[in-house]
Structure formats: C-alpha cells, structure tokens
Protein backbone atom coordinates (compact mmCIF):
# COMPACT_ATOMS: atom_id res chain seq x y z
CA MET A 1 0.11 0.41 0.21
CA ARG A 2 1.63 3.38 -1.39
CA VAL A 3 1.00 6.34 1.25
CA PHE A 4 0.93 10.04 -0.03
CA LEU A 5 1.36 12.93 2.05
CA PHE A 6 -1.56 15.26 0.86
CA HIS A 7 -1.84 19.12 1.23
CA GLU A 8 -4.52 21.83 0.96
CA ALA A 9 -2.02 24.05 3.14
CA ILE A 10 -4.82 25.01 5.89
CA CYS A 11 -3.69 27.92 8.24
CA PRO A 12 -4.56 28.22 11.49
CA GLU A 13 -5.09 30.85 13.60
CA GLY A 14 -1.90 32.78 13.73
CA THR A 15 0.14 31.52 10.53
CA SER A 16 0.05 33.40 7.57
CA TRP A 17 -0.45 32.19 4.20
CA ALA A 18 3.46 32.49 3.39
CA GLN A 19 4.39 30.53 6.45
CA ARG A 20 2.01 28.12 5.46
CA TYR A 21 3.61 27.55 1.89
CA ALA A 22 6.75 27.21 3.40
CA GLU A 23 5.94 24.92 6.10
CA CYS A 24 4.01 22.92 3.67
CA VAL A 25 7.39 22.19 1.80
CA GLU A 26 9.21 20.94 4.97
CA GLU A 27 6.46 18.95 5.66
CA ALA A 28 7.19 17.30 1.84
CA VAL A 29 10.39 16.67 2.62
CA LEU A 30 10.14 15.23 6.05
CA ALA A 31 7.75 13.08 4.22
CA GLU A 32 10.12 12.09 1.73
CA ALA A 33 12.77 11.13 4.63
CA GLU A 34 10.38 8.82 6.76
CA GLY A 35 9.58 6.93 3.88
CA PHE A 36 6.62 8.30 2.48
CA ASP A 37 5.69 7.19 -1.02
CA GLY A 38 3.95 10.38 -2.74
CA TYR A 39 3.31 14.31 -2.02
CA SER A 40 0.02 15.43 -3.34
CA ALA A 41 -1.41 18.77 -3.49
CA SER A 42 -4.97 20.27 -4.48
CA GLU A 43 -6.33 23.09 -6.37
CA GLN A 44 -8.70 25.11 -4.50
CA HIS A 45 -9.83 28.63 -4.85
CA PHE A 46 -11.43 31.30 -2.71
CA ALA A 47 -11.22 28.95 0.38
CA LYS A 48 -9.40 31.89 2.60
CA GLY A 49 -7.76 30.17 5.08
CA GLU A 50 -9.56 26.82 5.03
CA ALA A 51 -7.17 25.77 1.70
CA ILE A 52 -4.87 28.20 -0.13
CA ILE A 53 -3.13 26.39 -2.19
CA THR A 54 -4.67 27.75 -5.66
CA ALA A 55 -1.77 26.51 -8.13
CA PRO A 56 -0.87 23.21 -7.20
CA GLU A 57 1.66 23.13 -10.41
CA VAL A 58 3.74 25.85 -9.23
CA MET A 59 3.86 24.00 -5.48
CA LEU A 60 4.59 20.65 -6.70
CA ALA A 61 7.67 22.31 -9.19
CA TYR A 62 9.05 23.60 -5.74
CA VAL A 63 8.53 20.48 -4.29
CA ALA A 64 10.21 18.63 -6.76
CA ALA A 65 13.63 20.54 -6.97
CA ARG A 66 13.50 19.57 -3.07
CA THR A 67 13.04 15.92 -3.02
CA SER A 68 14.28 13.17 -4.94
CA ARG A 69 12.07 9.96 -4.75
CA ILE A 70 8.48 10.79 -4.07
CA ARG A 71 5.79 10.75 -6.71
CA LEU A 72 4.25 14.12 -7.32
CA ARG A 73 0.36 14.43 -8.15
CA ILE A 74 -1.76 17.12 -8.33
CA ALA A 75 -5.22 16.20 -6.43
CA SER A 76 -7.15 17.54 -7.98
CA VAL A 77 -6.90 19.80 -10.99
CA ASN A 78 -10.33 21.31 -11.60
CA PHE A 79 -11.54 20.02 -14.76
CA LEU A 80 -13.51 22.83 -15.95
CA PRO A 81 -13.21 25.22 -18.90
CA PHE A 82 -10.97 27.82 -16.89
CA ASN A 83 -8.16 24.98 -17.16
CA HIS A 84 -7.97 24.61 -20.30
CA PRO A 85 -7.13 20.70 -21.49
CA LEU A 86 -3.79 21.64 -23.20
CA ARG A 87 -2.41 24.31 -20.62
CA VAL A 88 -2.99 20.88 -17.96
CA ALA A 89 -1.04 18.53 -20.89
CA GLU A 90 1.94 21.61 -20.76
CA GLN A 91 1.99 21.91 -16.91
CA VAL A 92 2.15 17.79 -16.10
CA GLY A 93 4.26 17.05 -19.10
CA THR A 94 6.48 19.87 -17.69
CA LEU A 95 6.23 19.34 -14.21
CA ASP A 96 7.31 15.32 -15.75
CA ILE A 97 10.74 16.21 -17.08
CA LEU A 98 11.53 18.29 -14.25
CA SER A 99 10.92 15.88 -11.19
CA GLY A 100 12.66 12.81 -13.35
CA GLY A 101 9.53 10.98 -14.45
CA ARG A 102 7.46 10.94 -11.29
CA MET A 103 4.33 13.16 -11.84
CA GLU A 104 0.54 12.04 -11.69
CA LEU A 105 -2.11 13.55 -12.48
CA GLY A 106 -5.60 13.68 -10.55
CA GLY A 107 -8.53 15.45 -12.13
CA ALA A 108 -12.12 15.86 -10.61
CA ARG A 109 -15.40 17.71 -11.98
CA SER A 110 -15.19 19.98 -8.26
CA ASN A 111 -17.50 19.93 -5.67
CA ASN A 112 -17.48 23.79 -4.18
CA PRO A 113 -19.95 25.54 -5.23
CA TYR A 114 -17.58 28.54 -4.54
CA THR A 115 -15.58 27.86 -7.49
CA LEU A 116 -17.84 26.86 -9.97
CA ASP A 117 -20.08 30.13 -9.11
CA GLY A 118 -16.64 32.43 -9.06
CA PHE A 119 -15.64 31.18 -12.42
CA GLY A 120 -18.79 30.81 -14.03
CA VAL A 121 -19.08 27.65 -14.49
CA ASP A 122 -22.63 25.74 -15.18
CA PRO A 123 -22.88 22.96 -12.50
CA SER A 124 -24.53 20.76 -14.97
CA LEU A 125 -22.18 20.62 -16.98
CA THR A 126 -19.35 19.17 -14.75
CA ARG A 127 -19.61 15.38 -15.81
CA GLU A 128 -19.04 16.93 -19.97
CA TYR A 129 -16.33 18.85 -18.38
CA ARG A 130 -14.24 16.22 -16.97
CA ASP A 131 -14.74 13.30 -20.03
CA GLU A 132 -13.58 16.30 -22.33
CA HIS A 133 -10.26 16.72 -20.52
CA LEU A 134 -9.36 13.40 -20.02
CA THR A 135 -10.09 12.78 -23.51
CA ILE A 136 -7.85 15.50 -24.84
CA PHE A 137 -5.31 14.50 -22.80
CA GLY A 138 -5.28 11.64 -23.81
CA LYS A 139 -4.88 12.50 -27.27
CA ALA A 140 -1.74 14.47 -26.15
CA GLN A 141 0.24 12.28 -24.25
CA SER A 142 -0.87 9.07 -26.73
CA GLN A 143 -0.45 10.89 -29.91
CA GLY A 144 1.73 14.06 -29.09
CA ALA A 145 -0.42 16.25 -31.00
CA VAL A 146 -4.35 17.35 -30.79
CA GLU A 147 -7.37 18.13 -33.01
CA HIS A 148 -10.72 18.07 -31.39
CA ASP A 149 -13.82 19.07 -32.38
CA SER A 150 -16.59 19.45 -29.81
CA PRO A 151 -19.36 21.92 -27.95
CA TYR A 152 -16.95 22.51 -25.54
CA PHE A 153 -12.95 22.86 -26.88
CA ARG A 154 -12.81 23.38 -30.83
CA ILE A 155 -8.93 22.73 -31.09
CA PRO A 156 -7.28 22.57 -34.50
CA HIS A 157 -4.15 19.97 -34.92
CA ARG A 158 -1.44 20.94 -32.39
CA LYS A 159 1.76 19.49 -31.52
CA ILE A 160 1.89 19.31 -27.68
CA SER A 161 5.05 20.24 -26.15
CA PRO A 162 6.63 18.67 -23.56
CA LEU A 163 4.65 15.69 -23.05
CA GLN A 164 7.06 12.87 -23.74
CA ALA A 165 4.32 10.86 -26.48
CA GLY A 166 5.03 7.40 -26.64
CA HIS A 167 7.97 7.17 -24.44
CA HIS A 168 6.86 8.18 -20.68
CA ASN A 169 3.54 7.31 -19.78
CA ILE A 170 1.68 9.75 -17.04
CA PRO A 171 -0.32 8.10 -14.29
CA VAL A 172 -3.64 9.78 -14.40
CA HIS A 173 -6.24 9.13 -11.24
CA LEU A 174 -10.17 11.13 -11.28
CA SER A 175 -11.26 12.20 -7.74
CA ALA A 176 -14.88 10.70 -7.31
CA THR A 177 -17.78 10.60 -4.93
CA SER A 178 -20.27 9.01 -6.23
CA ILE A 179 -21.05 5.26 -7.07
CA ASP A 180 -21.55 6.04 -10.53
CA SER A 181 -17.89 8.05 -11.20
CA HIS A 182 -15.99 5.37 -9.53
CA GLU A 183 -17.49 2.78 -12.01
CA GLU A 184 -16.84 5.90 -15.01
CA ALA A 185 -13.63 6.12 -13.76
CA GLY A 186 -12.71 2.19 -14.24
CA ALA A 187 -14.33 1.93 -17.46
CA MET A 188 -12.15 4.72 -18.94
CA GLY A 189 -8.66 3.49 -17.76
CA VAL A 190 -7.96 5.66 -15.36
CA GLY A 191 -7.21 5.49 -11.19
CA VAL A 192 -9.66 6.73 -8.91
CA MET A 193 -9.19 8.66 -6.05
CA SER A 194 -12.33 7.63 -3.57
CA GLY A 195 -13.46 11.09 -1.41
CA LEU A 196 -16.99 10.62 0.15
CA SER A 197 -16.10 7.73 2.51
CA ILE A 198 -17.61 9.66 5.38
CA LEU A 199 -20.82 8.19 4.11
CA GLY A 200 -19.30 4.98 6.02
CA TRP A 201 -17.59 1.82 5.08
CA ASP A 202 -20.52 0.07 3.31
CA TYR A 203 -20.72 3.22 0.71
CA LEU A 204 -17.02 3.08 0.10
CA GLN A 205 -17.22 -0.89 -0.77
CA ASP A 206 -20.01 -0.15 -2.90
CA CYS A 207 -17.53 2.56 -4.36
CA VAL A 208 -15.14 -0.20 -4.74
CA ASN A 209 -16.76 -2.62 -6.47
CA ALA A 210 -18.39 0.02 -9.11
CA TYR A 211 -14.71 1.08 -9.81
CA ASN A 212 -13.64 -2.97 -10.61
CA LEU A 213 -16.61 -3.35 -12.19
CA GLY A 214 -15.98 -0.64 -14.83
CA ALA A 215 -12.15 -1.56 -14.70
CA ASP A 216 -12.63 -5.09 -15.93
CA ARG A 217 -14.00 -3.46 -19.20
CA ALA A 218 -11.59 -0.33 -19.34
CA GLN A 219 -11.59 1.52 -22.73
CA PRO A 220 -8.33 3.65 -21.65
CA ILE A 221 -9.08 7.43 -23.12
CA ALA A 222 -6.08 8.87 -20.96
CA GLY A 223 -3.35 8.31 -22.95
CA SER A 224 -2.82 4.39 -20.99
CA LEU A 225 -4.21 2.47 -18.50
CA THR A 226 -4.10 3.40 -14.87
CA ARG A 227 -5.82 1.02 -12.60
CA ARG A 228 -5.30 1.93 -8.73
CA GLN A 229 -7.75 2.75 -5.98
CA ALA A 230 -6.98 5.44 -3.71
CA LEU A 231 -9.11 6.96 -0.47
CA PHE A 232 -8.68 10.59 1.05
CA SER A 233 -8.84 10.81 4.21
CA VAL A 234 -8.50 13.73 6.28
CA GLY A 235 -7.93 15.09 10.12
CA VAL A 236 -4.76 12.10 9.81
CA ASN A 237 -2.84 12.27 12.87
CA CYS A 238 -1.23 9.70 14.87
CA HIS A 239 0.19 9.57 18.56
CA ALA A 240 0.96 6.67 21.45
CA ASP A 241 -1.86 7.60 22.92
CA ARG A 242 -5.43 7.63 21.17
CA ALA A 243 -7.31 10.36 22.92
CA THR A 244 -4.20 12.73 22.39
CA ALA A 245 -4.35 12.29 18.43
CA LEU A 246 -8.12 12.70 18.34
CA ALA A 247 -7.61 15.74 20.82
CA VAL A 248 -4.92 17.58 18.66
CA THR A 249 -7.06 16.73 15.27
CA GLU A 250 -10.23 17.78 16.35
CA GLU A 251 -10.64 21.19 15.91
CA ASN A 252 -9.34 21.13 12.45
CA SER A 253 -11.16 17.89 11.53
CA LEU A 254 -14.72 19.25 12.68
CA ARG A 255 -13.95 22.67 10.89
CA PHE A 256 -13.53 20.88 7.80
CA ILE A 257 -17.01 18.77 8.18
CA GLU A 258 -18.34 21.98 8.56
CA VAL A 259 -16.95 23.05 4.89
CA ILE A 260 -17.72 19.98 3.48
CA MET A 261 -21.22 20.36 4.77
CA ASP A 262 -22.40 23.45 3.51
CA TRP A 263 -20.65 22.57 0.00
CA MET A 264 -22.34 19.51 -0.77
CA THR A 265 -25.97 20.44 0.63
CA ARG A 266 -25.63 23.82 -1.48
CA LEU A 267 -24.58 21.68 -4.60
CA ALA A 268 -27.47 19.16 -3.99
CA LYS A 269 -29.87 21.61 -4.38
CA ARG A 270 -28.26 23.21 -7.65
CA SER A 271 -27.89 20.34 -10.15
CA ALA A 272 -29.47 16.54 -10.81
CA ASN A 273 -25.38 16.34 -11.24
CA TYR A 274 -24.67 16.50 -7.65
CA GLU A 275 -28.01 15.18 -5.92
CA TYR A 276 -26.31 12.31 -4.46
CA PHE A 277 -24.80 14.97 -2.30
CA ALA A 278 -27.45 15.09 0.07
CA GLN A 279 -26.63 11.91 1.43
CA ILE A 280 -24.34 13.73 3.32
CA GLU A 281 -27.54 14.63 5.94
CA ARG A 282 -26.48 11.15 7.18
CA ILE A 283 -23.70 12.53 9.52
CA ARG A 284 -25.61 16.04 10.44
CA ALA A 285 -26.30 14.27 14.12
CA ASN A 286 -23.05 13.55 14.69
CA MET A 287 -21.03 16.35 12.80
CA ARG A 288 -19.58 17.52 16.15
CA ASN A 289 -18.45 14.02 17.90
CA LEU A 290 -15.30 13.57 16.27
CA GLU A 291 -14.82 9.94 17.94
CA ALA A 292 -18.00 8.50 16.14
CA LEU A 293 -16.98 10.28 12.91
CA VAL A 294 -13.78 8.16 13.08
CA GLU A 295 -15.53 5.18 14.00
CA ALA A 296 -18.13 4.89 12.02
CA ALA A 297 -16.20 5.69 8.44
CA PRO A 298 -12.45 5.75 7.30
CA TYR A 299 -12.45 9.73 6.07
CA ILE A 300 -11.06 10.79 9.60
CA MET A 301 -7.81 8.85 9.96
CA ALA A 302 -6.78 9.25 13.48
CA GLY A 303 -5.59 7.33 16.35
CA THR A 304 -2.55 5.29 17.68
CA PRO A 305 -0.35 3.42 15.10
CA ASP A 306 -2.06 0.11 15.83
CA ASP A 307 -5.46 1.72 15.12
CA ILE A 308 -4.07 3.13 11.58
CA ILE A 309 -2.78 -0.36 10.70
CA ARG A 310 -5.81 -2.01 11.77
CA ARG A 311 -8.04 0.34 9.65
CA CYS A 312 -5.39 0.87 7.04
CA ARG A 313 -5.56 -3.40 6.55
CA ARG A 314 -9.71 -3.21 6.43
CA LEU A 315 -8.97 -0.66 3.67
CA TYR A 316 -6.45 -2.94 1.44
CA GLU A 317 -8.50 -6.38 1.99
CA MET A 318 -11.47 -3.98 0.35
CA GLY A 319 -9.23 -3.20 -2.67
CA ILE A 320 -7.52 0.14 -1.32
CA ASP A 321 -3.71 0.55 -3.58
CA ASP A 322 -3.12 3.84 -2.00
CA VAL A 323 -4.23 6.27 0.71
CA LEU A 324 -3.98 10.03 0.44
CA TRP A 325 -3.64 11.56 4.13
CA ARG A 326 -4.39 15.19 4.48
CA ILE A 327 -1.71 15.92 7.49
CA ASP A 328 -2.82 19.55 7.58
CA GLY A 329 -4.29 22.15 9.78
CA MET A 330 -3.15 20.97 12.89
CA GLY A 331 0.15 23.43 12.97
CA TYR A 332 3.40 22.94 11.98
CA GLU A 333 4.77 21.15 15.11
CA ALA A 334 1.79 18.77 15.48
CA ASN A 335 2.00 18.42 11.30
CA ARG A 336 5.59 17.03 12.01
CA ALA A 337 5.18 14.88 14.65
CA ALA A 338 2.31 13.30 12.93
CA ILE A 339 4.46 12.54 9.76
CA GLU A 340 7.15 11.26 11.89
CA MET A 341 5.15 9.01 13.83
CA LEU A 342 3.29 7.44 10.74
CA GLY A 343 6.26 7.35 8.43
CA ARG A 344 8.23 4.85 12.08
CA HIS A 345 5.55 3.37 13.07
CA VAL A 346 2.92 2.76 10.37
CA LEU A 347 4.03 2.63 6.93
CA PRO A 348 6.82 -0.28 7.33
CA GLU A 349 3.89 -2.40 8.12
CA LEU A 350 1.94 -1.22 4.75
CA HIS A 351 4.10 -1.50 2.48
CA SER A 352 5.20 -5.41 3.66
CA TRP A 353 1.32 -5.76 2.08
CA PRO A 354 1.61 -7.11 -1.99
CA GLU A 355 0.59 -5.24 -4.64
CA HIS A 356 -3.18 -6.34 -5.53
CA PRO A 357 -2.63 -8.73 -8.66
CA LYS A 358 -5.00 -6.39 -10.99
CA SER A 359 -3.23 -2.94 -9.68
CA THR A 360 -1.09 -1.26 -12.34
CA LEU A 361 2.22 0.84 -10.34
CA PRO A 362 3.88 3.97 -12.34
CA ALA A 363 7.38 3.51 -13.89
CA PRO A 364 10.17 4.25 -12.17
CA PRO A 365 11.39 7.53 -11.88
CA GLN A 366 13.97 8.49 -14.70
CA VAL A 367 17.05 11.26 -14.28
CA PRO A 368 15.67 15.02 -15.03
CA GLY A 369 16.26 16.23 -17.65
CA LEU A 370 17.90 19.35 -16.85
CA ALA A 371 20.32 17.23 -14.75
CA ALA A 372 21.46 15.21 -17.54
C-alpha cells in the first residue's frame, strides 16, 4: 500500500499564508525522509485560510526541486473550462520532466460551489467537461498532438510539448464521490481517488465494487491504463495515546466537516449532477462528535499506530491500493510529529503488503532532464 502526504495548506489561527506555504514544503521534504511514497497538492479557490493552494502545478515544481524520490500528484486539478486541457497537458509534461518522471495527474469536476460560481461554471455540465479533459489529455499523451472538435473545446491540429508521447506515460487518476463516478473512472481506464467515505465503510465498499466493475471492461481514454484505487482521508494524526491523537486534530477536522456540509448541501439543491450529495445529511447528527465520525468511516484517520494499521488493513482487504492523507491544519509542529510517527511506526507495515494482482504501478523515475 502506497502512502501520499496530501496538502491543501490549511492555516491555523495566527499562521500567515506565506508561512504555511513554507511549512508545506518542509513537511513534504520530511515525508520523503520518513518513507512516504508521494506528495499531493489540491487546487482550491476562494477558500481564504481553509485551503490556500490555488496553483498546485507551481507548488509541486518547488517540491520537485527539494525532493528526489517521492511521486508527485495534483489531487486534483479542476477539469473545468478555466483550466484549458492543453495547458494542463503542458504543465504536467513540464513537471514530469523536471521531476525525473515522478509526476501523476489527478483531476476532478469540482465539488465546491464557490469555485463553480466564481469562474462562472454551470454545475450541470461538469461531467461533460471532465470527460473532455480526459479525452484531450489522452490524445496529447498518446499521440503528441491534438485535434478536437466538440461543443466545449474546438482545437485545430496542434503538436503538444513537452509531453513525452510514446516514451513515458503519466498516470492519470480521477477524484470521485458518487458510485457512478467510480464505475466511470474504471471504464475510462484511469485510477480513482475516493472522496466521500464519510458516508461509511459500506458506501466505500460500494464505490470500490463499482470501480472494479468499470475497470474490468476498461477502454482507456487518457493515453494509458491506470488501475489503482486510492482513498482520501482528512484529519490524519497519529500518537501513542489515542485520546491525544484525536484531541490534536479535533478542531481542524470538525471545521472541515462543516465546510463540506456547506458545499455539498448547496450543490445538491442546484443540479441533478450533484443530488447524491444530499446523503451527507446522514452524518449531521454526529458532525460535532469526532469519536463517532472516526469510528463510523475511514474519512478521518486518527489514532495510535495500531489503530491506523488496523483500519488500513481493512481498506487494503476491500481493494484500496493507496491512501492520501491530509496531515494539515494542526499547526506545523503537530503536523511534523504526525508525519514522523506514521513514517516510523505505520508505513513499514503498510509497505509490507503485496500489490493487488490487477493494480498497475507507475514506471520508475528517470534522471531529471535538466540534470542529464
């Protein structure tokens, strides 16, 4: 099982944006030293201090220069019109070269009504934009050139650089929250990053099963086949004492639950594409009860090393290949302590578990182009 450190750059009270950016980089460097397999950064907009990484491609370029081994993944770029798919291809191709082949692309159709409204995106069209992005990136990655004509993007024949078409495939993953989106990701031949496990272990199992159903009949559209299932978890913290682990992450975790409750209830009322978000009401009664939230689902991952290993083993046996852990928002020293505890007492066990037979692994890193 691979483990990624995941950042959105949450700023606790008293932490400046500049300070938090610097801390995130140092935490990424520490994660590599402690054995983490990857580092991922999200694309968020208009979130004030809740999540301030708005340009993950810039953030990851800096982290790439400070690290040498860990995989790098945008998790996730918004597959929406304000991110033109050709620019995404160019940015990802550049990052892949500069990092020595460590880049992975994660994309999403957005679950944030403030982003959609801020950029004037119709929420009823986000699935179409998602599929267009994947198709155009697939042409760029497999052919080195794109020609595309649809109601959403009209692109005359253009050669795309610096994607290394035909020589090196960049793994592509899709953030998914609905059961249908999991099956669609599998059928499109991309990896999936499951983001709504707060609805419980059974809901996550339904998502895993749906992805496998789609993946078994995959027709890859993103330039190559990626078959991996990842799980986002937030409020991640690890301490020898379980009560301490929960106490340190409590304020940060419960605040995030409030944020997603707001986003999802708003979108559920506005578009049939997001009606399933109304299921979030199932957790409202316990949204201020961290202990209950931790026990009911793998969405918040906090506890002792043994607690986390046990929960990850359950995920592994369900079919999860990777975990993306948001260790963020607790304050710099607490974040570092969690990374160190997980690296020393949890990751060795997770790394000992064999890969699932049908899962794919990315190609080994290459020598960075600028260093050759």
